Amino acid sequence: MIEQRPLGHDGPEIGRLGYGAMVLEGFYGPAEEKASLAALHKALECGLTMIDTADAYGAGNNETLISRAIRGRRHDAFIATKFGVVFDPKESGRPLTTNWAFSLNINATPEYARRALDASLTRLNADHIDLWYAHYPDPDVAIEETVGAMADAVSAGKVRYLGLSNVTAEQVRRAHKVHPISAVQYEYSLWRREAESELLPTLRELGIALVGWSPLGGGFLAGDVEIGKDDRRRANPRYSTENLAANRDRFAPFMAIAAKLGISPAQLALAWLLHKGDDIFPIPGTRKSARIVENAAAAAVRLEPALIQHIDEIAQPGLAVGASLL
C-alpha cells in the first residue's frame, strides 16, 4: 500500500510514489501502444495514482494515451500535466539551451498558456486538470505573468492546483506571491542532488512539495541500464561511453548496499528519496509492468537513519560524471 501524504501545505492527499509517463513516447526506444496502456493500468493498480505527463510528450499523444487509459476511472487518477515547451511548428517561442545537445522552444506567455490548457483538456477528455505545471520558465516572460494566467485557470475551475517545473528558488518565491504553488517538479535523485542546497529548503519554508523527476537517473540507478540505438539518453553526457563507465564505478558501493539488503538498486534509490521527507514525491517511469510492481514495492522499504547517512556519504552531490540537462 502506497502511503498517502498531502501535496504541499493545502494540497490533496496522494500517493508518495507517482508514475512518469514520458517514457511511453519512445524516449528510451520504441514504445508500443498496447504495452503503454497496460503500463498505465498497472501503475494505477499498484497505487501510483499521480500520472505525470506534459503536452509536449509525443506532441500531445501522451495526454491522449492517458485519456484512453483512465476512461471510466477518472477518479482513480491524479493527473498532472505541463505546458510551455512548444511542439507545434506554427507556434513561436524562445530558445532554451540545454547540456544535452538540443535546445527547447519555450512559450509561457498568458496567451499561449490559455490555448495550451484548452488543448490539454481536449486531449485528456477532461473537464479539469488536477495539477498544472509551467514546464520551464520563459526567458522573456516574468514568472508572475505566467502564474497569473495559470491562476485564472484555477478560478475558472479548469485546474485544481498549480505547479512549477525546472525553476530556481527565487522564481518559486515570486510565483508563490501571485498564487499558492502546491508542487515544484525538479530532477532529484542520488544521481543529481542539487535540489537539496537551495530549492528544497525554500519549498519547505513555503509549504510546497517537491516532485522528483528522473528519480532513478534515467534508469541508471536501476542497475542494469542498456542504451539502444534509438535511445535519446545518447544525448545525455552522463551516458557517454566514458562517463557511463566512470559512473558505474562511482556508484558501485551503492549497488552493493542494495545487493546486501536483498532489494533492487531501484528500490533502494526510491526508498532513499522517500526517507528524505514526507514532502518528496518521486515519479519513476518505466514501460514494463514488472518494473512498476518493483518500484511500488519500494514504498514498503524501511531504512535505518545510519544507513541513510551512509548512503548520503557514498553518493554525495556531484558524484555523477557528466552535465545535467540544465
C-alpha atoms as a PDB file:
ATOM      1  CA  MET A   1       0.000   0.000   0.000  1.00  0.00           C
ATOM      2  CA  ILE A   2       1.417   3.377  -1.023  1.00  0.00           C
ATOM      3  CA  GLU A   3       1.408   5.910   1.800  1.00  0.00           C
ATOM      4  CA  GLN A   4      -0.814   8.944   1.178  1.00  0.00           C
ATOM      5  CA  ARG A   5       0.508  12.399   2.045  1.00  0.00           C
ATOM      6  CA  PRO A   6      -0.667  15.965   1.340  1.00  0.00           C
ATOM      7  CA  LEU A   7       0.807  17.505  -1.804  1.00  0.00           C
ATOM      8  CA  GLY A   8       2.069  20.751  -0.341  1.00  0.00           C
ATOM      9  CA  HIS A   9       0.548  22.743   2.505  1.00  0.00           C
ATOM     10  CA  ASP A  10      -3.034  22.847   1.228  1.00  0.00           C
ATOM     11  CA  GLY A  11      -2.941  20.162  -1.449  1.00  0.00           C
ATOM     12  CA  PRO A  12      -4.808  16.862  -1.713  1.00  0.00           C
ATOM     13  CA  GLU A  13      -3.576  13.612  -0.214  1.00  0.00           C
ATOM     14  CA  ILE A  14      -1.983  11.460  -2.897  1.00  0.00           C
ATOM     15  CA  GLY A  15       0.391   8.510  -3.006  1.00  0.00           C
ATOM     16  CA  ARG A  16       4.042   9.208  -2.211  1.00  0.00           C
ATOM     17  CA  LEU A  17       5.077   7.486  -5.448  1.00  0.00           C
ATOM     18  CA  GLY A  18       3.694   8.560  -8.807  1.00  0.00           C
ATOM     19  CA  TYR A  19       4.230   7.457 -12.383  1.00  0.00           C
ATOM     20  CA  GLY A  20       6.190   9.389 -15.024  1.00  0.00           C
ATOM     21  CA  ALA A  21       4.517   8.753 -18.385  1.00  0.00           C
ATOM     22  CA  MET A  22       7.155  10.407 -20.593  1.00  0.00           C
ATOM     23  CA  VAL A  23       8.810   7.007 -21.135  1.00  0.00           C
ATOM     24  CA  LEU A  24       5.772   5.874 -23.127  1.00  0.00           C
ATOM     25  CA  GLU A  25       6.719   8.144 -26.031  1.00  0.00           C
ATOM     26  CA  GLY A  26       9.808   6.358 -27.300  1.00  0.00           C
ATOM     27  CA  PHE A  27      12.406   8.395 -25.435  1.00  0.00           C
ATOM     28  CA  TYR A  28      14.181   5.199 -24.402  1.00  0.00           C
ATOM     29  CA  GLY A  29      13.473   3.381 -27.645  1.00  0.00           C
ATOM     30  CA  PRO A  30      10.306   2.298 -29.479  1.00  0.00           C
ATOM     31  CA  ALA A  31       7.108   2.147 -27.431  1.00  0.00           C
ATOM     32  CA  GLU A  32       4.091   0.032 -28.372  1.00  0.00           C
ATOM     33  CA  GLU A  33       0.660   1.481 -27.599  1.00  0.00           C
ATOM     34  CA  LYS A  34      -0.912  -1.675 -26.175  1.00  0.00           C
ATOM     35  CA  ALA A  35       2.021  -2.128 -23.793  1.00  0.00           C
ATOM     36  CA  SER A  36       1.857   1.566 -22.856  1.00  0.00           C
ATOM     37  CA  LEU A  37      -1.808   1.287 -21.900  1.00  0.00           C
ATOM     38  CA  ALA A  38      -1.005  -1.828 -19.877  1.00  0.00           C
ATOM     39  CA  ALA A  39       1.743   0.065 -18.048  1.00  0.00           C
ATOM     40  CA  LEU A  40      -0.639   2.890 -17.133  1.00  0.00           C
ATOM     41  CA  HIS A  41      -3.229   0.402 -15.889  1.00  0.00           C
ATOM     42  CA  LYS A  42      -0.578  -1.384 -13.820  1.00  0.00           C
ATOM     43  CA  ALA A  43       0.558   1.915 -12.291  1.00  0.00           C
ATOM     44  CA  LEU A  44      -2.964   2.684 -11.112  1.00  0.00           C
ATOM     45  CA  GLU A  45      -3.389  -0.880  -9.861  1.00  0.00           C
ATOM     46  CA  CYS A  46      -0.198  -0.533  -7.785  1.00  0.00           C
ATOM     47  CA  GLY A  47      -1.272   2.764  -6.243  1.00  0.00           C
ATOM     48  CA  LEU A  48       0.925   5.046  -8.363  1.00  0.00           C
ATOM     49  CA  THR A  49      -2.071   7.278  -8.929  1.00  0.00           C
ATOM     50  CA  MET A  50      -0.313  10.545  -9.767  1.00  0.00           C
ATOM     51  CA  ILE A  51       0.174  10.191 -13.513  1.00  0.00           C
ATOM     52  CA  ASP A  52       2.664  12.775 -14.741  1.00  0.00           C
ATOM     53  CA  THR A  53       2.601  13.929 -18.353  1.00  0.00           C
ATOM     54  CA  ALA A  54       3.095  17.051 -20.487  1.00  0.00           C
ATOM     55  CA  ASP A  55       1.521  18.402 -23.638  1.00  0.00           C
ATOM     56  CA  ALA A  56       4.894  18.163 -25.403  1.00  0.00           C
ATOM     57  CA  TYR A  57       5.361  14.433 -24.731  1.00  0.00           C
ATOM     58  CA  GLY A  58       4.717  12.825 -28.082  1.00  0.00           C
ATOM     59  CA  ALA A  59       3.397  16.174 -29.377  1.00  0.00           C
ATOM     60  CA  GLY A  60       0.203  15.668 -27.392  1.00  0.00           C
ATOM     61  CA  ASN A  61      -0.057  11.906 -27.867  1.00  0.00           C
ATOM     62  CA  ASN A  62       0.867  11.165 -24.252  1.00  0.00           C
ATOM     63  CA  GLU A  63      -2.150  13.055 -22.942  1.00  0.00           C
ATOM     64  CA  THR A  64      -4.401  11.278 -25.447  1.00  0.00           C
ATOM     65  CA  LEU A  65      -2.944   7.930 -24.391  1.00  0.00           C
ATOM     66  CA  ILE A  66      -3.637   8.710 -20.741  1.00  0.00           C
ATOM     67  CA  SER A  67      -7.225   9.704 -21.528  1.00  0.00           C
ATOM     68  CA  ARG A  68      -7.752   6.239 -23.006  1.00  0.00           C
ATOM     69  CA  ALA A  69      -6.129   4.536 -20.023  1.00  0.00           C
ATOM     70  CA  ILE A  70      -8.336   6.292 -17.452  1.00  0.00           C
ATOM     71  CA  ARG A  71     -11.590   6.126 -19.410  1.00  0.00           C
ATOM     72  CA  GLY A  72     -14.291   5.171 -16.964  1.00  0.00           C
ATOM     73  CA  ARG A  73     -11.963   5.558 -13.975  1.00  0.00           C
ATOM     74  CA  ARG A  74     -11.040   9.257 -13.988  1.00  0.00           C
ATOM     75  CA  HIS A  75     -11.381   9.467 -10.215  1.00  0.00           C
ATOM     76  CA  ASP A  76      -8.746   6.773  -9.749  1.00  0.00           C
ATOM     77  CA  ALA A  77      -6.047   9.038 -11.188  1.00  0.00           C
ATOM     78  CA  PHE A  78      -4.498  12.338 -10.171  1.00  0.00           C
ATOM     79  CA  ILE A  79      -3.467  13.856 -13.491  1.00  0.00           C
ATOM     80  CA  ALA A  80      -0.525  16.256 -13.621  1.00  0.00           C
ATOM     81  CA  THR A  81       0.417  17.835 -16.927  1.00  0.00           C
ATOM     82  CA  LYS A  82       2.622  20.682 -18.126  1.00  0.00           C
ATOM     83  CA  PHE A  83       2.680  23.355 -20.780  1.00  0.00           C
ATOM     84  CA  GLY A  84       5.298  25.666 -22.207  1.00  0.00           C
ATOM     85  CA  VAL A  85       7.509  23.504 -24.418  1.00  0.00           C
ATOM     86  CA  VAL A  86       6.421  24.425 -27.946  1.00  0.00           C
ATOM     87  CA  PHE A  87       5.974  21.376 -30.179  1.00  0.00           C
ATOM     88  CA  ASP A  88       3.728  22.888 -32.864  1.00  0.00           C
ATOM     89  CA  PRO A  89       5.894  24.420 -35.644  1.00  0.00           C
ATOM     90  CA  LYS A  90       3.220  27.082 -36.155  1.00  0.00           C
ATOM     91  CA  GLU A  91       3.742  28.401 -32.614  1.00  0.00           C
ATOM     92  CA  SER A  92       6.526  30.778 -31.632  1.00  0.00           C
ATOM     93  CA  GLY A  93       8.760  30.609 -28.586  1.00  0.00           C
ATOM     94  CA  ARG A  94      12.138  31.422 -27.095  1.00  0.00           C
ATOM     95  CA  PRO A  95      15.101  29.033 -27.307  1.00  0.00           C
ATOM     96  CA  LEU A  96      16.358  27.469 -24.084  1.00  0.00           C
ATOM     97  CA  THR A  97      19.778  25.855 -24.422  1.00  0.00           C
ATOM     98  CA  THR A  98      20.422  22.566 -22.616  1.00  0.00           C
ATOM     99  CA  ASN A  99      23.532  20.481 -21.968  1.00  0.00           C
ATOM    100  CA  TRP A 100      22.122  17.509 -23.876  1.00  0.00           C
ATOM    101  CA  ALA A 101      22.900  18.539 -27.475  1.00  0.00           C
ATOM    102  CA  PHE A 102      19.492  20.055 -28.124  1.00  0.00           C
ATOM    103  CA  SER A 103      17.556  23.195 -27.249  1.00  0.00           C
ATOM    104  CA  LEU A 104      13.946  23.662 -26.226  1.00  0.00           C
ATOM    105  CA  ASN A 105      11.474  26.173 -27.611  1.00  0.00           C
ATOM    106  CA  ILE A 106       9.637  27.792 -24.691  1.00  0.00           C
ATOM    107  CA  ASN A 107       6.453  29.855 -24.614  1.00  0.00           C
ATOM    108  CA  ALA A 108       4.920  30.653 -21.222  1.00  0.00           C
ATOM    109  CA  THR A 109       3.006  33.780 -22.177  1.00  0.00           C
ATOM    110  CA  PRO A 110      -0.517  34.114 -20.759  1.00  0.00           C
ATOM    111  CA  GLU A 111      -1.977  33.807 -24.264  1.00  0.00           C
ATOM    112  CA  TYR A 112      -0.135  30.581 -25.000  1.00  0.00           C
ATOM    113  CA  ALA A 113      -0.956  29.190 -21.548  1.00  0.00           C
ATOM    114  CA  ARG A 114      -4.683  29.600 -22.169  1.00  0.00           C
ATOM    115  CA  ARG A 115      -4.516  27.890 -25.563  1.00  0.00           C
ATOM    116  CA  ALA A 116      -2.312  25.102 -24.221  1.00  0.00           C
ATOM    117  CA  LEU A 117      -4.678  24.429 -21.330  1.00  0.00           C
ATOM    118  CA  ASP A 118      -7.743  24.068 -23.524  1.00  0.00           C
ATOM    119  CA  ALA A 119      -5.827  21.779 -25.882  1.00  0.00           C
ATOM    120  CA  SER A 120      -4.676  19.591 -22.964  1.00  0.00           C
ATOM    121  CA  LEU A 121      -8.211  19.339 -21.600  1.00  0.00           C
ATOM    122  CA  THR A 122      -9.414  18.235 -25.013  1.00  0.00           C
ATOM    123  CA  ARG A 123      -6.722  15.577 -25.398  1.00  0.00           C
ATOM    124  CA  LEU A 124      -7.291  14.337 -21.840  1.00  0.00           C
ATOM    125  CA  ASN A 125     -11.059  14.363 -22.420  1.00  0.00           C
ATOM    126  CA  ALA A 126     -11.392  16.005 -19.022  1.00  0.00           C
ATOM    127  CA  ASP A 127     -13.204  18.978 -17.525  1.00  0.00           C
ATOM    128  CA  HIS A 128     -10.287  19.784 -15.230  1.00  0.00           C
ATOM    129  CA  ILE A 129      -6.604  19.056 -14.619  1.00  0.00           C
ATOM    130  CA  ASP A 130      -5.577  18.130 -11.086  1.00  0.00           C
ATOM    131  CA  LEU A 131      -2.088  19.681 -11.172  1.00  0.00           C
ATOM    132  CA  TRP A 132      -0.932  22.024 -13.933  1.00  0.00           C
ATOM    133  CA  TYR A 133       2.740  22.941 -14.265  1.00  0.00           C
ATOM    134  CA  ALA A 134       4.645  25.522 -16.238  1.00  0.00           C
ATOM    135  CA  HIS A 135       7.194  23.160 -17.796  1.00  0.00           C
ATOM    136  CA  TYR A 136      10.082  25.676 -17.890  1.00  0.00           C
ATOM    137  CA  PRO A 137      10.289  29.381 -17.097  1.00  0.00           C
ATOM    138  CA  ASP A 138      10.140  31.510 -20.227  1.00  0.00           C
ATOM    139  CA  PRO A 139      13.335  33.569 -20.657  1.00  0.00           C
ATOM    140  CA  ASP A 140      11.293  36.547 -21.932  1.00  0.00           C
ATOM    141  CA  VAL A 141       8.247  36.358 -19.644  1.00  0.00           C
ATOM    142  CA  ALA A 142       8.148  37.237 -15.959  1.00  0.00           C
ATOM    143  CA  ILE A 143       7.145  34.247 -13.845  1.00  0.00           C
ATOM    144  CA  GLU A 144       4.448  36.432 -12.289  1.00  0.00           C
ATOM    145  CA  GLU A 145       2.740  36.831 -15.673  1.00  0.00           C
ATOM    146  CA  THR A 146       2.773  33.113 -16.353  1.00  0.00           C
ATOM    147  CA  VAL A 147       1.405  32.198 -12.925  1.00  0.00           C
ATOM    148  CA  GLY A 148      -1.205  34.949 -13.143  1.00  0.00           C
ATOM    149  CA  ALA A 149      -2.663  33.255 -16.222  1.00  0.00           C
ATOM    150  CA  MET A 150      -2.467  29.871 -14.512  1.00  0.00           C
ATOM    151  CA  ALA A 151      -4.303  31.289 -11.506  1.00  0.00           C
ATOM    152  CA  ASP A 152      -7.112  32.398 -13.823  1.00  0.00           C
ATOM    153  CA  ALA A 153      -7.492  28.746 -14.854  1.00  0.00           C
ATOM    154  CA  VAL A 154      -7.964  27.776 -11.212  1.00  0.00           C
ATOM    155  CA  SER A 155     -10.628  30.457 -10.809  1.00  0.00           C
ATOM    156  CA  ALA A 156     -12.366  29.143 -13.913  1.00  0.00           C
ATOM    157  CA  GLY A 157     -12.457  25.615 -12.487  1.00  0.00           C
ATOM    158  CA  LYS A 158     -10.251  24.171 -15.227  1.00  0.00           C
ATOM    159  CA  VAL A 159      -7.342  23.443 -12.871  1.00  0.00           C
ATOM    160  CA  ARG A 160      -7.286  22.408  -9.222  1.00  0.00           C
ATOM    161  CA  TYR A 161      -3.664  23.010  -8.186  1.00  0.00           C
ATOM    162  CA  LEU A 162      -0.676  24.831  -9.671  1.00  0.00           C
ATOM    163  CA  GLY A 163       2.907  23.709 -10.041  1.00  0.00           C
ATOM    164  CA  LEU A 164       6.206  24.857 -11.496  1.00  0.00           C
ATOM    165  CA  SER A 165       8.926  22.780 -13.095  1.00  0.00           C
ATOM    166  CA  ASN A 166      12.675  23.303 -13.500  1.00  0.00           C
ATOM    167  CA  VAL A 167      12.713  26.612 -11.651  1.00  0.00           C
ATOM    168  CA  THR A 168      15.004  28.358  -9.182  1.00  0.00           C
ATOM    169  CA  ALA A 169      14.222  29.067  -5.540  1.00  0.00           C
ATOM    170  CA  GLU A 170      13.940  32.774  -6.347  1.00  0.00           C
ATOM    171  CA  GLN A 171      11.396  32.113  -9.099  1.00  0.00           C
ATOM    172  CA  VAL A 172       9.361  29.971  -6.712  1.00  0.00           C
ATOM    173  CA  ARG A 173       9.203  32.790  -4.164  1.00  0.00           C
ATOM    174  CA  ARG A 174       7.993  35.257  -6.777  1.00  0.00           C
ATOM    175  CA  ALA A 175       5.413  32.877  -8.196  1.00  0.00           C
ATOM    176  CA  HIS A 176       4.070  31.861  -4.791  1.00  0.00           C
ATOM    177  CA  LYS A 177       3.185  35.505  -4.071  1.00  0.00           C
ATOM    178  CA  VAL A 178       0.876  35.525  -7.088  1.00  0.00           C
ATOM    179  CA  HIS A 179      -0.910  32.248  -6.324  1.00  0.00           C
ATOM    180  CA  PRO A 180      -0.158  29.340  -3.959  1.00  0.00           C
ATOM    181  CA  ILE A 181       2.109  26.776  -5.604  1.00  0.00           C
ATOM    182  CA  SER A 182       1.409  23.210  -4.478  1.00  0.00           C
ATOM    183  CA  ALA A 183       4.339  21.424  -6.087  1.00  0.00           C
ATOM    184  CA  VAL A 184       7.618  22.059  -7.854  1.00  0.00           C
ATOM    185  CA  GLN A 185       8.965  19.399 -10.175  1.00  0.00           C
ATOM    186  CA  TYR A 186      12.734  19.116 -10.375  1.00  0.00           C
ATOM    187  CA  GLU A 187      15.271  16.425 -11.133  1.00  0.00           C
ATOM    188  CA  TYR A 188      16.116  14.782  -7.821  1.00  0.00           C
ATOM    189  CA  SER A 189      17.861  11.514  -7.074  1.00  0.00           C
ATOM    190  CA  LEU A 190      21.175  10.144  -5.831  1.00  0.00           C
ATOM    191  CA  TRP A 191      22.255  10.845  -9.418  1.00  0.00           C
ATOM    192  CA  ARG A 192      21.507  14.567  -9.005  1.00  0.00           C
ATOM    193  CA  ARG A 193      21.135  16.134  -5.548  1.00  0.00           C
ATOM    194  CA  GLU A 194      21.494  19.845  -6.324  1.00  0.00           C
ATOM    195  CA  ALA A 195      17.904  20.497  -5.218  1.00  0.00           C
ATOM    196  CA  GLU A 196      18.991  19.988  -1.614  1.00  0.00           C
ATOM    197  CA  SER A 197      21.149  23.124  -1.479  1.00  0.00           C
ATOM    198  CA  GLU A 198      18.654  25.946  -2.046  1.00  0.00           C
ATOM    199  CA  LEU A 199      15.470  24.795  -3.760  1.00  0.00           C
ATOM    200  CA  LEU A 200      14.290  22.184  -1.259  1.00  0.00           C
ATOM    201  CA  PRO A 201      14.808  24.406   1.819  1.00  0.00           C
ATOM    202  CA  THR A 202      12.807  27.144   0.086  1.00  0.00           C
ATOM    203  CA  LEU A 203       9.985  24.750  -0.749  1.00  0.00           C
ATOM    204  CA  ARG A 204       9.837  23.573   2.849  1.00  0.00           C
ATOM    205  CA  GLU A 205       9.733  27.126   4.107  1.00  0.00           C
ATOM    206  CA  LEU A 206       6.771  27.842   1.822  1.00  0.00           C
ATOM    207  CA  GLY A 207       4.978  24.513   2.294  1.00  0.00           C
ATOM    208  CA  ILE A 208       5.462  23.277  -1.275  1.00  0.00           C
ATOM    209  CA  ALA A 209       6.016  19.639  -2.265  1.00  0.00           C
ATOM    210  CA  LEU A 210       8.947  18.505  -4.408  1.00  0.00           C
ATOM    211  CA  VAL A 211       8.010  16.118  -7.208  1.00  0.00           C
ATOM    212  CA  GLY A 212      11.236  14.403  -8.245  1.00  0.00           C
ATOM    213  CA  TRP A 213      11.557  13.694 -11.955  1.00  0.00           C
ATOM    214  CA  SER A 214      14.069  11.115 -13.134  1.00  0.00           C
ATOM    215  CA  PRO A 215      14.368   9.675  -9.589  1.00  0.00           C
ATOM    216  CA  LEU A 216      16.313   6.710 -10.993  1.00  0.00           C
ATOM    217  CA  GLY A 217      18.750   8.790 -13.017  1.00  0.00           C
ATOM    218  CA  GLY A 218      17.060   7.933 -16.297  1.00  0.00           C
ATOM    219  CA  GLY A 219      17.334   4.252 -15.382  1.00  0.00           C
ATOM    220  CA  PHE A 220      20.973   4.260 -14.271  1.00  0.00           C
ATOM    221  CA  LEU A 221      20.017   3.621 -10.638  1.00  0.00           C
ATOM    222  CA  ALA A 222      18.033   0.563 -11.687  1.00  0.00           C
ATOM    223  CA  GLY A 223      21.427  -1.100 -12.037  1.00  0.00           C
ATOM    224  CA  ASP A 224      21.264  -2.698 -15.471  1.00  0.00           C
ATOM    225  CA  VAL A 225      20.939   0.194 -17.902  1.00  0.00           C
ATOM    226  CA  GLU A 226      21.333  -0.527 -21.602  1.00  0.00           C
ATOM    227  CA  ILE A 227      21.372   2.187 -24.273  1.00  0.00           C
ATOM    228  CA  GLY A 228      19.810   1.193 -27.607  1.00  0.00           C
ATOM    229  CA  LYS A 229      20.425   2.930 -30.919  1.00  0.00           C
ATOM    230  CA  ASP A 230      17.123   4.854 -30.730  1.00  0.00           C
ATOM    231  CA  ASP A 231      17.524   5.773 -27.060  1.00  0.00           C
ATOM    232  CA  ARG A 232      17.560   9.535 -26.507  1.00  0.00           C
ATOM    233  CA  ARG A 233      19.766   9.094 -23.473  1.00  0.00           C
ATOM    234  CA  ARG A 234      22.588   9.032 -26.003  1.00  0.00           C
ATOM    235  CA  ALA A 235      22.355  12.842 -25.848  1.00  0.00           C
ATOM    236  CA  ASN A 236      22.910  12.782 -22.073  1.00  0.00           C
ATOM    237  CA  PRO A 237      26.624  13.336 -21.273  1.00  0.00           C
ATOM    238  CA  ARG A 238      26.323  11.035 -18.257  1.00  0.00           C
ATOM    239  CA  TYR A 239      25.584   8.172 -20.631  1.00  0.00           C
ATOM    240  CA  SER A 240      28.543   8.667 -22.938  1.00  0.00           C
ATOM    241  CA  THR A 241      30.752   5.591 -23.144  1.00  0.00           C
ATOM    242  CA  GLU A 242      33.486   7.078 -20.958  1.00  0.00           C
ATOM    243  CA  ASN A 243      31.204   8.747 -18.408  1.00  0.00           C
ATOM    244  CA  LEU A 244      28.885   5.764 -18.100  1.00  0.00           C
ATOM    245  CA  ALA A 245      31.836   3.537 -17.211  1.00  0.00           C
ATOM    246  CA  ALA A 246      33.037   6.072 -14.634  1.00  0.00           C
ATOM    247  CA  ASN A 247      29.562   6.377 -13.135  1.00  0.00           C
ATOM    248  CA  ARG A 248      29.240   2.620 -12.809  1.00  0.00           C
ATOM    249  CA  ASP A 249      32.474   2.601 -10.821  1.00  0.00           C
ATOM    250  CA  ARG A 250      31.421   5.542  -8.659  1.00  0.00           C
ATOM    251  CA  PHE A 251      28.026   4.073  -7.797  1.00  0.00           C
ATOM    252  CA  ALA A 252      29.264   0.509  -7.265  1.00  0.00           C
ATOM    253  CA  PRO A 253      29.201   0.920  -3.444  1.00  0.00           C
ATOM    254  CA  PHE A 254      25.547   1.965  -3.635  1.00  0.00           C
ATOM    255  CA  MET A 255      24.705  -1.047  -5.797  1.00  0.00           C
ATOM    256  CA  ALA A 256      26.484  -3.266  -3.283  1.00  0.00           C
ATOM    257  CA  ILE A 257      24.277  -1.972  -0.452  1.00  0.00           C
ATOM    258  CA  ALA A 258      21.135  -2.896  -2.403  1.00  0.00           C
ATOM    259  CA  ALA A 259      22.500  -6.389  -3.006  1.00  0.00           C
ATOM    260  CA  LYS A 260      23.300  -6.802   0.680  1.00  0.00           C
ATOM    261  CA  LEU A 261      19.771  -5.726   1.637  1.00  0.00           C
ATOM    262  CA  GLY A 262      18.257  -8.123  -0.875  1.00  0.00           C
ATOM    263  CA  ILE A 263      16.396  -5.421  -2.777  1.00  0.00           C
ATOM    264  CA  SER A 264      16.924  -3.937  -6.214  1.00  0.00           C
ATOM    265  CA  PRO A 265      19.024  -0.782  -6.685  1.00  0.00           C
ATOM    266  CA  ALA A 266      15.890   0.971  -7.950  1.00  0.00           C
ATOM    267  CA  GLN A 267      14.025   0.130  -4.764  1.00  0.00           C
ATOM    268  CA  LEU A 268      16.886   1.401  -2.627  1.00  0.00           C
ATOM    269  CA  ALA A 269      17.152   4.635  -4.643  1.00  0.00           C
ATOM    270  CA  LEU A 270      13.414   5.281  -4.347  1.00  0.00           C
ATOM    271  CA  ALA A 271      13.323   4.341  -0.657  1.00  0.00           C
ATOM    272  CA  TRP A 272      16.186   6.759  -0.011  1.00  0.00           C
ATOM    273  CA  LEU A 273      14.186   9.545  -1.634  1.00  0.00           C
ATOM    274  CA  LEU A 274      11.048   8.712   0.328  1.00  0.00           C
ATOM    275  CA  HIS A 275      13.074   8.818   3.548  1.00  0.00           C
ATOM    276  CA  LYS A 276      14.330  12.320   2.732  1.00  0.00           C
ATOM    277  CA  GLY A 277      10.969  13.801   3.745  1.00  0.00           C
ATOM    278  CA  ASP A 278       7.209  13.373   3.568  1.00  0.00           C
ATOM    279  CA  ASP A 279       7.119  16.240   1.057  1.00  0.00           C
ATOM    280  CA  ILE A 280       9.096  14.305  -1.592  1.00  0.00           C
ATOM    281  CA  PHE A 281       7.052  12.610  -4.337  1.00  0.00           C
ATOM    282  CA  PRO A 282       9.209  10.656  -6.817  1.00  0.00           C
ATOM    283  CA  ILE A 283       7.684   9.839 -10.224  1.00  0.00           C
ATOM    284  CA  PRO A 284       9.646   6.898 -11.701  1.00  0.00           C
ATOM    285  CA  GLY A 285       8.742   5.922 -15.235  1.00  0.00           C
ATOM    286  CA  THR A 286       9.038   2.558 -16.949  1.00  0.00           C
ATOM    287  CA  ARG A 287       7.302   0.748 -19.796  1.00  0.00           C
ATOM    288  CA  LYS A 288       7.497  -2.643 -18.074  1.00  0.00           C
ATOM    289  CA  SER A 289       4.741  -3.805 -15.716  1.00  0.00           C
ATOM    290  CA  ALA A 290       7.202  -5.862 -13.669  1.00  0.00           C
ATOM    291  CA  ARG A 291       9.304  -2.756 -13.060  1.00  0.00           C
ATOM    292  CA  ILE A 292       6.208  -0.833 -11.964  1.00  0.00           C
ATOM    293  CA  VAL A 293       5.471  -3.506  -9.366  1.00  0.00           C
ATOM    294  CA  GLU A 294       9.119  -3.394  -8.275  1.00  0.00           C
ATOM    295  CA  ASN A 295       9.086   0.385  -7.937  1.00  0.00           C
ATOM    296  CA  ALA A 296       5.837   0.381  -5.974  1.00  0.00           C
ATOM    297  CA  ALA A 297       7.338  -2.106  -3.507  1.00  0.00           C
ATOM    298  CA  ALA A 298       9.993   0.499  -2.644  1.00  0.00           C
ATOM    299  CA  ALA A 299       7.347   2.295  -0.577  1.00  0.00           C
ATOM    300  CA  ALA A 300       7.487  -0.553   1.936  1.00  0.00           C
ATOM    301  CA  VAL A 301      11.289  -0.493   2.325  1.00  0.00           C
ATOM    302  CA  ARG A 302      12.414   0.877   5.678  1.00  0.00           C
ATOM    303  CA  LEU A 303      15.919   2.296   6.060  1.00  0.00           C
ATOM    304  CA  GLU A 304      17.661   2.956   9.358  1.00  0.00           C
ATOM    305  CA  PRO A 305      18.984   6.514   9.890  1.00  0.00           C
ATOM    306  CA  ALA A 306      22.562   5.239   9.991  1.00  0.00           C
ATOM    307  CA  LEU A 307      22.145   3.600   6.598  1.00  0.00           C
ATOM    308  CA  ILE A 308      20.625   6.753   5.103  1.00  0.00           C
ATOM    309  CA  GLN A 309      23.606   8.717   6.391  1.00  0.00           C
ATOM    310  CA  HIS A 310      25.970   6.155   4.909  1.00  0.00           C
ATOM    311  CA  ILE A 311      24.274   6.420   1.512  1.00  0.00           C
ATOM    312  CA  ASP A 312      24.468  10.205   1.760  1.00  0.00           C
ATOM    313  CA  GLU A 313      28.206   9.911   2.297  1.00  0.00           C
ATOM    314  CA  ILE A 314      28.982   7.481  -0.527  1.00  0.00           C
ATOM    315  CA  ALA A 315      26.744   9.270  -3.048  1.00  0.00           C
ATOM    316  CA  GLN A 316      27.401  12.900  -2.256  1.00  0.00           C
ATOM    317  CA  PRO A 317      26.137  15.717  -4.511  1.00  0.00           C
ATOM    318  CA  GLY A 318      28.250  15.888  -7.663  1.00  0.00           C
ATOM    319  CA  LEU A 319      29.265  12.221  -7.622  1.00  0.00           C
ATOM    320  CA  ALA A 320      27.875  11.524 -11.112  1.00  0.00           C
ATOM    321  CA  VAL A 321      30.182  12.394 -14.003  1.00  0.00           C
ATOM    322  CA  GLY A 322      28.690  14.459 -16.838  1.00  0.00           C
ATOM    323  CA  ALA A 323      26.470  17.507 -17.184  1.00  0.00           C
ATOM    324  CA  SER A 324      22.814  17.517 -16.141  1.00  0.00           C
ATOM    325  CA  LEU A 325      20.092  18.772 -18.501  1.00  0.00           C
ATOM    326  CA  LEU A 326      20.233  22.377 -17.279  1.00  0.00           C
END
